[in-house]
Amino acid sequence: MNYKINTNLNAGDITYGGTRRDISKMHMYPSGTANRMQGVAKPDKTREILCYDPVNQRYPCPPGSYDVLLDIGNGSRYEWVKDVIVRTGTPVSVK
């Protein structure tokens, strides 16, 4: 007999829900980071909170407001999605 129990306390679910298939990672940053980082979008490990890999799965995420950096083509290009809000017990789809 096998049991599978999923528990998610004080977290929301986040996943990539866009149509692009070449997105490999989602880098999570505090809200406002995209505006502070000037120039070409690229990862900054000193400010990064979380990184989800692969993006085709659902992951628990602490509630809050985030700027998400999408890794396109395994580092060949990056794109910001600003002000993604994660609420407790609510699934969020980044597009």
Protein backbone atom coordinates (compact mmCIF):
# COMPACT_ATOMS: atom_id res chain seq x y z
CA MET A 1 0.00 0.00 0.00
CA ASN A 2 1.33 3.44 -0.95
CA TYR A 3 0.21 6.87 0.18
CA LYS A 4 1.02 10.18 -1.39
CA ILE A 5 0.33 13.22 0.76
CA ASN A 6 0.92 16.77 -0.43
CA THR A 7 1.00 19.45 2.24
CA ASN A 8 1.54 23.09 1.54
CA LEU A 9 1.50 25.25 4.66
CA ASN A 10 1.68 29.03 4.22
CA ALA A 11 2.69 28.86 0.57
CA GLY A 12 1.26 29.31 -2.88
CA ASP A 13 1.99 27.29 -6.01
CA ILE A 14 3.93 28.77 -8.91
CA THR A 15 4.48 27.41 -12.39
CA TYR A 16 5.28 28.68 -15.89
CA GLY A 17 2.08 28.80 -17.94
CA GLY A 18 3.21 30.53 -21.10
CA THR A 19 3.42 29.10 -24.60
CA ARG A 20 7.21 29.19 -25.03
CA ARG A 21 8.83 25.77 -24.73
CA ASP A 22 12.44 26.99 -24.49
CA ILE A 23 12.08 28.42 -20.96
CA SER A 24 14.42 26.41 -18.72
CA LYS A 25 14.41 28.22 -15.33
CA MET A 26 12.53 30.81 -13.30
CA HIS A 27 14.73 33.01 -11.11
CA MET A 28 12.75 34.69 -8.30
CA TYR A 29 13.73 38.16 -7.04
CA PRO A 30 12.14 40.65 -4.62
CA SER A 31 9.63 42.98 -6.27
CA GLY A 32 11.32 46.04 -7.80
CA THR A 33 14.57 44.26 -8.67
CA ALA A 34 13.86 44.41 -12.41
CA ASN A 35 13.67 48.22 -12.24
CA ARG A 36 16.89 48.52 -10.20
CA MET A 37 18.95 46.30 -12.50
CA GLN A 38 19.89 48.47 -15.47
CA GLY A 39 20.78 47.19 -18.94
CA VAL A 40 20.43 43.67 -20.28
CA ALA A 41 18.44 41.25 -18.11
CA LYS A 42 20.71 38.65 -16.48
CA PRO A 43 20.75 36.63 -13.24
CA ASP A 44 22.25 38.12 -10.07
CA LYS A 45 22.93 35.42 -7.48
CA THR A 46 23.38 38.00 -4.69
CA ARG A 47 19.75 39.18 -5.00
CA GLU A 48 18.10 35.93 -6.09
CA ILE A 49 15.67 34.36 -3.61
CA LEU A 50 14.72 31.10 -5.37
CA CYS A 51 15.35 29.34 -8.67
CA TYR A 52 12.92 26.78 -10.10
CA ASP A 53 14.14 24.22 -12.62
CA PRO A 54 12.43 22.74 -14.69
CA VAL A 55 9.57 25.18 -15.19
CA ASN A 56 6.99 22.62 -16.35
CA GLN A 57 6.25 21.57 -12.74
CA ARG A 58 4.39 23.27 -9.89
CA TYR A 59 6.51 24.46 -6.98
CA PRO A 60 5.63 25.80 -3.54
CA CYS A 61 6.56 29.45 -3.10
CA PRO A 62 6.41 31.71 -0.03
CA PRO A 63 3.70 34.38 -0.25
CA GLY A 64 4.85 37.77 -1.47
CA SER A 65 5.46 39.92 -4.52
CA TYR A 66 8.24 38.90 -6.91
CA ASP A 67 9.97 39.87 -10.13
CA VAL A 68 10.60 36.70 -12.14
CA LEU A 69 13.53 36.36 -14.53
CA LEU A 70 12.80 33.74 -17.22
CA ASP A 71 15.82 31.86 -18.57
CA ILE A 72 15.24 31.39 -22.31
CA GLY A 73 17.32 28.82 -24.18
CA ASN A 74 19.58 27.77 -21.28
CA GLY A 75 21.09 31.20 -20.71
CA SER A 76 21.10 32.56 -24.25
CA ARG A 77 18.47 35.20 -23.34
CA TYR A 78 16.57 36.42 -20.25
CA GLU A 79 13.24 38.19 -19.87
CA TRP A 80 11.60 39.88 -16.84
CA VAL A 81 8.04 39.31 -15.65
CA LYS A 82 7.35 42.03 -13.08
CA ASP A 83 5.14 42.06 -9.97
CA VAL A 84 4.05 38.42 -9.74
CA ILE A 85 1.96 38.13 -6.56
CA VAL A 86 1.89 34.81 -4.72
CA ARG A 87 -0.84 34.28 -2.11
CA THR A 88 -1.15 31.48 0.43
CA GLY A 89 -2.95 28.46 -1.01
CA THR A 90 -3.36 30.00 -4.47
CA PRO A 91 -1.77 28.71 -7.69
CA VAL A 92 0.02 31.32 -9.84
CA SER A 93 0.90 30.92 -13.49
CA VAL A 94 3.75 33.06 -14.83
CA LYS A 95 3.28 33.99 -18.50
